[in-house]
Amino acid sequence: CDIIKYKHDQHEEFTALVEQYNALIVRINPGQLSQNTSPGTQQRFDELMQAQMRKGKLVWSSPDV
């Protein structure tokens, strides 16, 4: 288990990191990434988590919850 912090200005690097894992535990309040970040950050993060689920990876809690 590793802690990986999401930085809105390093989305591509974060994407490359999460690709290495079989499952992800996301500890962030819904909508948190829409505050004090670049426009579209929450949507990019949510889309990344949904893409991981489509690949069969487990994501807790998912953006769909």
PDB file of N, CA and C in Angstrom:
ATOM      1  N   CYS A   1       0.852  -1.174   0.000  1.00  0.00           N
ATOM      2  CA  CYS A   1       0.000   0.000   0.000  1.00  0.00           C
ATOM      3  C   CYS A   1       0.898   1.237   0.000  1.00  0.00           C
ATOM      4  N   ASP A   2       0.644   2.133  -0.911  1.00  0.00           N
ATOM      5  CA  ASP A   2       1.431   3.362  -1.022  1.00  0.00           C
ATOM      6  C   ASP A   2       0.508   4.569  -0.988  1.00  0.00           C
ATOM      7  N   ILE A   3       0.989   5.646  -0.431  1.00  0.00           N
ATOM      8  CA  ILE A   3       0.258   6.914  -0.464  1.00  0.00           C
ATOM      9  C   ILE A   3       0.781   7.721  -1.637  1.00  0.00           C
ATOM     10  N   ILE A   4      -0.127   8.081  -2.534  1.00  0.00           N
ATOM     11  CA  ILE A   4       0.227   8.898  -3.690  1.00  0.00           C
ATOM     12  C   ILE A   4      -0.670  10.127  -3.658  1.00  0.00           C
ATOM     13  N   LYS A   5      -0.094  11.278  -3.552  1.00  0.00           N
ATOM     14  CA  LYS A   5      -0.876  12.507  -3.496  1.00  0.00           C
ATOM     15  C   LYS A   5      -1.121  13.022  -4.912  1.00  0.00           C
ATOM     16  N   TYR A   6      -2.362  13.413  -5.157  1.00  0.00           N
ATOM     17  CA  TYR A   6      -2.731  13.949  -6.463  1.00  0.00           C
ATOM     18  C   TYR A   6      -2.457  15.443  -6.480  1.00  0.00           C
ATOM     19  N   LYS A   7      -1.713  15.875  -7.496  1.00  0.00           N
ATOM     20  CA  LYS A   7      -1.451  17.302  -7.694  1.00  0.00           C
ATOM     21  C   LYS A   7      -2.035  17.671  -9.045  1.00  0.00           C
ATOM     22  N   HIS A   8      -2.960  18.601  -9.030  1.00  0.00           N
ATOM     23  CA  HIS A   8      -3.720  18.920 -10.244  1.00  0.00           C
ATOM     24  C   HIS A   8      -2.841  19.347 -11.404  1.00  0.00           C
ATOM     25  N   ASP A   9      -1.663  19.872 -11.121  1.00  0.00           N
ATOM     26  CA  ASP A   9      -0.779  20.296 -12.207  1.00  0.00           C
ATOM     27  C   ASP A   9       0.199  19.192 -12.628  1.00  0.00           C
ATOM     28  N   GLN A  10       0.021  17.975 -12.074  1.00  0.00           N
ATOM     29  CA  GLN A  10       0.850  16.834 -12.446  1.00  0.00           C
ATOM     30  C   GLN A  10      -0.029  15.619 -12.750  1.00  0.00           C
ATOM     31  N   HIS A  11      -1.124  15.862 -13.450  1.00  0.00           N
ATOM     32  CA  HIS A  11      -2.105  14.811 -13.722  1.00  0.00           C
ATOM     33  C   HIS A  11      -1.508  13.646 -14.509  1.00  0.00           C
ATOM     34  N   GLU A  12      -0.728  13.936 -15.525  1.00  0.00           N
ATOM     35  CA  GLU A  12      -0.157  12.870 -16.362  1.00  0.00           C
ATOM     36  C   GLU A  12       0.791  11.975 -15.558  1.00  0.00           C
ATOM     37  N   GLU A  13       1.575  12.571 -14.682  1.00  0.00           N
ATOM     38  CA  GLU A  13       2.479  11.788 -13.844  1.00  0.00           C
ATOM     39  C   GLU A  13       1.687  10.885 -12.901  1.00  0.00           C
ATOM     40  N   PHE A  14       0.600  11.414 -12.332  1.00  0.00           N
ATOM     41  CA  PHE A  14      -0.258  10.636 -11.440  1.00  0.00           C
ATOM     42  C   PHE A  14      -0.896   9.479 -12.209  1.00  0.00           C
ATOM     43  N   THR A  15      -1.342   9.759 -13.419  1.00  0.00           N
ATOM     44  CA  THR A  15      -1.945   8.729 -14.258  1.00  0.00           C
ATOM     45  C   THR A  15      -0.965   7.579 -14.474  1.00  0.00           C
ATOM     46  N   ALA A  16       0.270   7.894 -14.789  1.00  0.00           N
ATOM     47  CA  ALA A  16       1.289   6.861 -15.005  1.00  0.00           C
ATOM     48  C   ALA A  16       1.504   6.041 -13.736  1.00  0.00           C
ATOM     49  N   LEU A  17       1.467   6.675 -12.583  1.00  0.00           N
ATOM     50  CA  LEU A  17       1.657   5.956 -11.323  1.00  0.00           C
ATOM     51  C   LEU A  17       0.510   4.995 -11.033  1.00  0.00           C
ATOM     52  N   VAL A  18      -0.743   5.464 -11.183  1.00  0.00           N
ATOM     53  CA  VAL A  18      -1.875   4.602 -10.824  1.00  0.00           C
ATOM     54  C   VAL A  18      -2.022   3.419 -11.775  1.00  0.00           C
ATOM     55  N   GLU A  19      -1.479   3.536 -12.973  1.00  0.00           N
ATOM     56  CA  GLU A  19      -1.521   2.420 -13.916  1.00  0.00           C
ATOM     57  C   GLU A  19      -0.797   1.191 -13.368  1.00  0.00           C
ATOM     58  N   GLN A  20       0.110   1.385 -12.427  1.00  0.00           N
ATOM     59  CA  GLN A  20       0.913   0.304 -11.874  1.00  0.00           C
ATOM     60  C   GLN A  20       0.174  -0.519 -10.816  1.00  0.00           C
ATOM     61  N   TYR A  21      -0.986  -0.060 -10.372  1.00  0.00           N
ATOM     62  CA  TYR A  21      -1.687  -0.693  -9.260  1.00  0.00           C
ATOM     63  C   TYR A  21      -2.905  -1.496  -9.736  1.00  0.00           C
ATOM     64  N   ASN A  22      -3.258  -2.507  -8.954  1.00  0.00           N
ATOM     65  CA  ASN A  22      -4.434  -3.331  -9.239  1.00  0.00           C
ATOM     66  C   ASN A  22      -5.708  -2.758  -8.648  1.00  0.00           C
ATOM     67  N   ALA A  23      -5.562  -1.916  -7.629  1.00  0.00           N
ATOM     68  CA  ALA A  23      -6.710  -1.325  -6.946  1.00  0.00           C
ATOM     69  C   ALA A  23      -6.276   0.013  -6.359  1.00  0.00           C
ATOM     70  N   LEU A  24      -7.261   0.888  -6.133  1.00  0.00           N
ATOM     71  CA  LEU A  24      -6.979   2.213  -5.588  1.00  0.00           C
ATOM     72  C   LEU A  24      -7.972   2.536  -4.478  1.00  0.00           C
ATOM     73  N   ILE A  25      -7.472   3.112  -3.411  1.00  0.00           N
ATOM     74  CA  ILE A  25      -8.324   3.640  -2.345  1.00  0.00           C
ATOM     75  C   ILE A  25      -8.198   5.153  -2.433  1.00  0.00           C
ATOM     76  N   VAL A  26      -9.300   5.806  -2.723  1.00  0.00           N
ATOM     77  CA  VAL A  26      -9.310   7.258  -2.907  1.00  0.00           C
ATOM     78  C   VAL A  26      -9.880   7.904  -1.648  1.00  0.00           C
ATOM     79  N   ARG A  27      -9.093   8.750  -1.034  1.00  0.00           N
ATOM     80  CA  ARG A  27      -9.522   9.430   0.179  1.00  0.00           C
ATOM     81  C   ARG A  27      -9.604  10.925  -0.101  1.00  0.00           C
ATOM     82  N   ILE A  28     -10.734  11.333  -0.651  1.00  0.00           N
ATOM     83  CA  ILE A  28     -10.953  12.745  -0.955  1.00  0.00           C
ATOM     84  C   ILE A  28     -12.454  12.992  -0.927  1.00  0.00           C
ATOM     85  N   ASN A  29     -12.836  14.147  -0.445  1.00  0.00           N
ATOM     86  CA  ASN A  29     -14.248  14.496  -0.415  1.00  0.00           C
ATOM     87  C   ASN A  29     -14.739  14.808  -1.827  1.00  0.00           C
ATOM     88  N   PRO A  30     -15.961  14.414  -2.155  1.00  0.00           N
ATOM     89  CA  PRO A  30     -16.524  14.731  -3.474  1.00  0.00           C
ATOM     90  C   PRO A  30     -16.481  16.241  -3.741  1.00  0.00           C
ATOM     91  N   GLY A  31     -16.019  16.598  -4.913  1.00  0.00           N
ATOM     92  CA  GLY A  31     -15.966  18.008  -5.293  1.00  0.00           C
ATOM     93  C   GLY A  31     -14.745  18.752  -4.784  1.00  0.00           C
ATOM     94  N   GLN A  32     -13.921  18.121  -3.968  1.00  0.00           N
ATOM     95  CA  GLN A  32     -12.750  18.773  -3.378  1.00  0.00           C
ATOM     96  C   GLN A  32     -11.798  19.315  -4.440  1.00  0.00           C
ATOM     97  N   LEU A  33     -11.670  18.597  -5.535  1.00  0.00           N
ATOM     98  CA  LEU A  33     -10.723  19.012  -6.569  1.00  0.00           C
ATOM     99  C   LEU A  33     -11.254  20.132  -7.452  1.00  0.00           C
ATOM    100  N   SER A  34     -12.453  20.590  -7.193  1.00  0.00           N
ATOM    101  CA  SER A  34     -12.977  21.721  -7.956  1.00  0.00           C
ATOM    102  C   SER A  34     -12.716  23.039  -7.218  1.00  0.00           C
ATOM    103  N   GLN A  35     -12.012  22.964  -6.091  1.00  0.00           N
ATOM    104  CA  GLN A  35     -11.707  24.151  -5.294  1.00  0.00           C
ATOM    105  C   GLN A  35     -10.218  24.458  -5.356  1.00  0.00           C
ATOM    106  N   ASN A  36      -9.889  25.675  -5.751  1.00  0.00           N
ATOM    107  CA  ASN A  36      -8.502  26.144  -5.796  1.00  0.00           C
ATOM    108  C   ASN A  36      -7.607  25.303  -6.710  1.00  0.00           C
ATOM    109  N   THR A  37      -8.172  24.806  -7.793  1.00  0.00           N
ATOM    110  CA  THR A  37      -7.400  24.045  -8.780  1.00  0.00           C
ATOM    111  C   THR A  37      -7.739  24.570 -10.174  1.00  0.00           C
ATOM    112  N   SER A  38      -7.048  24.067 -11.154  1.00  0.00           N
ATOM    113  CA  SER A  38      -7.319  24.452 -12.540  1.00  0.00           C
ATOM    114  C   SER A  38      -8.721  24.008 -12.945  1.00  0.00           C
ATOM    115  N   PRO A  39      -9.393  24.753 -13.826  1.00  0.00           N
ATOM    116  CA  PRO A  39     -10.708  24.326 -14.300  1.00  0.00           C
ATOM    117  C   PRO A  39     -10.638  22.930 -14.920  1.00  0.00           C
ATOM    118  N   GLY A  40     -11.606  22.094 -14.583  1.00  0.00           N
ATOM    119  CA  GLY A  40     -11.682  20.748 -15.136  1.00  0.00           C
ATOM    120  C   GLY A  40     -10.929  19.695 -14.335  1.00  0.00           C
ATOM    121  N   THR A  41     -10.278  20.087 -13.249  1.00  0.00           N
ATOM    122  CA  THR A  41      -9.478  19.133 -12.467  1.00  0.00           C
ATOM    123  C   THR A  41     -10.329  17.993 -11.927  1.00  0.00           C
ATOM    124  N   GLN A  42     -11.471  18.313 -11.338  1.00  0.00           N
ATOM    125  CA  GLN A  42     -12.326  17.261 -10.765  1.00  0.00           C
ATOM    126  C   GLN A  42     -12.776  16.292 -11.853  1.00  0.00           C
ATOM    127  N   GLN A  43     -13.151  16.828 -12.998  1.00  0.00           N
ATOM    128  CA  GLN A  43     -13.607  15.983 -14.103  1.00  0.00           C
ATOM    129  C   GLN A  43     -12.483  15.075 -14.607  1.00  0.00           C
ATOM    130  N   ARG A  44     -11.275  15.611 -14.753  1.00  0.00           N
ATOM    131  CA  ARG A  44     -10.131  14.789 -15.200  1.00  0.00           C
ATOM    132  C   ARG A  44      -9.847  13.669 -14.203  1.00  0.00           C
ATOM    133  N   PHE A  45      -9.890  13.985 -12.916  1.00  0.00           N
ATOM    134  CA  PHE A  45      -9.637  12.974 -11.893  1.00  0.00           C
ATOM    135  C   PHE A  45     -10.725  11.903 -11.927  1.00  0.00           C
ATOM    136  N   ASP A  46     -11.981  12.326 -11.975  1.00  0.00           N
ATOM    137  CA  ASP A  46     -13.096  11.373 -12.010  1.00  0.00           C
ATOM    138  C   ASP A  46     -13.014  10.480 -13.245  1.00  0.00           C
ATOM    139  N   GLU A  47     -12.698  11.061 -14.385  1.00  0.00           N
ATOM    140  CA  GLU A  47     -12.572  10.277 -15.616  1.00  0.00           C
ATOM    141  C   GLU A  47     -11.437   9.263 -15.512  1.00  0.00           C
ATOM    142  N   LEU A  48     -10.349   9.642 -14.865  1.00  0.00           N
ATOM    143  CA  LEU A  48      -9.240   8.713 -14.663  1.00  0.00           C
ATOM    144  C   LEU A  48      -9.676   7.530 -13.799  1.00  0.00           C
ATOM    145  N   MET A  49     -10.399   7.803 -12.710  1.00  0.00           N
ATOM    146  CA  MET A  49     -10.858   6.726 -11.831  1.00  0.00           C
ATOM    147  C   MET A  49     -11.849   5.812 -12.568  1.00  0.00           C
ATOM    148  N   GLN A  50     -12.732   6.399 -13.360  1.00  0.00           N
ATOM    149  CA  GLN A  50     -13.694   5.596 -14.123  1.00  0.00           C
ATOM    150  C   GLN A  50     -12.973   4.743 -15.167  1.00  0.00           C
ATOM    151  N   ALA A  51     -11.918   5.281 -15.771  1.00  0.00           N
ATOM    152  CA  ALA A  51     -11.141   4.520 -16.746  1.00  0.00           C
ATOM    153  C   ALA A  51     -10.459   3.325 -16.074  1.00  0.00           C
ATOM    154  N   GLN A  52      -9.999   3.518 -14.857  1.00  0.00           N
ATOM    155  CA  GLN A  52      -9.376   2.414 -14.124  1.00  0.00           C
ATOM    156  C   GLN A  52     -10.403   1.318 -13.848  1.00  0.00           C
ATOM    157  N   MET A  53     -11.614   1.701 -13.502  1.00  0.00           N
ATOM    158  CA  MET A  53     -12.670   0.716 -13.247  1.00  0.00           C
ATOM    159  C   MET A  53     -13.027  -0.031 -14.526  1.00  0.00           C
ATOM    160  N   ARG A  54     -13.067   0.651 -15.663  1.00  0.00           N
ATOM    161  CA  ARG A  54     -13.353  -0.013 -16.935  1.00  0.00           C
ATOM    162  C   ARG A  54     -12.283  -1.052 -17.279  1.00  0.00           C
ATOM    163  N   LYS A  55     -11.077  -0.840 -16.771  1.00  0.00           N
ATOM    164  CA  LYS A  55      -9.990  -1.804 -16.982  1.00  0.00           C
ATOM    165  C   LYS A  55     -10.080  -2.985 -16.014  1.00  0.00           C
ATOM    166  N   GLY A  56     -11.087  -2.956 -15.136  1.00  0.00           N
ATOM    167  CA  GLY A  56     -11.266  -4.047 -14.189  1.00  0.00           C
ATOM    168  C   GLY A  56     -10.605  -3.824 -12.841  1.00  0.00           C
ATOM    169  N   LYS A  57     -10.045  -2.659 -12.642  1.00  0.00           N
ATOM    170  CA  LYS A  57      -9.419  -2.359 -11.356  1.00  0.00           C
ATOM    171  C   LYS A  57     -10.482  -1.919 -10.357  1.00  0.00           C
ATOM    172  N   LEU A  58     -10.233  -2.221  -9.087  1.00  0.00           N
ATOM    173  CA  LEU A  58     -11.140  -1.793  -8.030  1.00  0.00           C
ATOM    174  C   LEU A  58     -10.754  -0.392  -7.590  1.00  0.00           C
ATOM    175  N   VAL A  59     -11.761   0.468  -7.442  1.00  0.00           N
ATOM    176  CA  VAL A  59     -11.541   1.834  -6.980  1.00  0.00           C
ATOM    177  C   VAL A  59     -12.538   2.100  -5.865  1.00  0.00           C
ATOM    178  N   TRP A  60     -12.021   2.384  -4.663  1.00  0.00           N
ATOM    179  CA  TRP A  60     -12.874   2.729  -3.518  1.00  0.00           C
ATOM    180  C   TRP A  60     -12.565   4.152  -3.117  1.00  0.00           C
ATOM    181  N   SER A  61     -13.414   4.984  -2.884  1.00  0.00           N
ATOM    182  CA  SER A  61     -14.749   4.937  -3.432  1.00  0.00           C
ATOM    183  C   SER A  61     -14.720   5.576  -4.805  1.00  0.00           C
ATOM    184  N   SER A  62     -15.551   5.085  -5.664  1.00  0.00           N
ATOM    185  CA  SER A  62     -15.502   5.535  -7.051  1.00  0.00           C
ATOM    186  C   SER A  62     -16.281   6.834  -7.242  1.00  0.00           C
ATOM    187  N   PRO A  63     -16.045   7.557  -8.323  1.00  0.00           N
ATOM    188  CA  PRO A  63     -16.788   8.784  -8.598  1.00  0.00           C
ATOM    189  C   PRO A  63     -18.278   8.524  -8.804  1.00  0.00           C
ATOM    190  N   ASP A  64     -18.641   7.267  -9.073  1.00  0.00           N
ATOM    191  CA  ASP A  64     -20.048   6.944  -9.305  1.00  0.00           C
ATOM    192  C   ASP A  64     -20.833   6.777  -8.014  1.00  0.00           C
ATOM    193  N   VAL A  65     -20.156   6.748  -6.885  1.00  0.00           N
ATOM    194  CA  VAL A  65     -20.845   6.524  -5.605  1.00  0.00           C
ATOM    195  C   VAL A  65     -21.503   7.800  -5.159  1.00  0.00           C
TER     196      VAL A  65
END
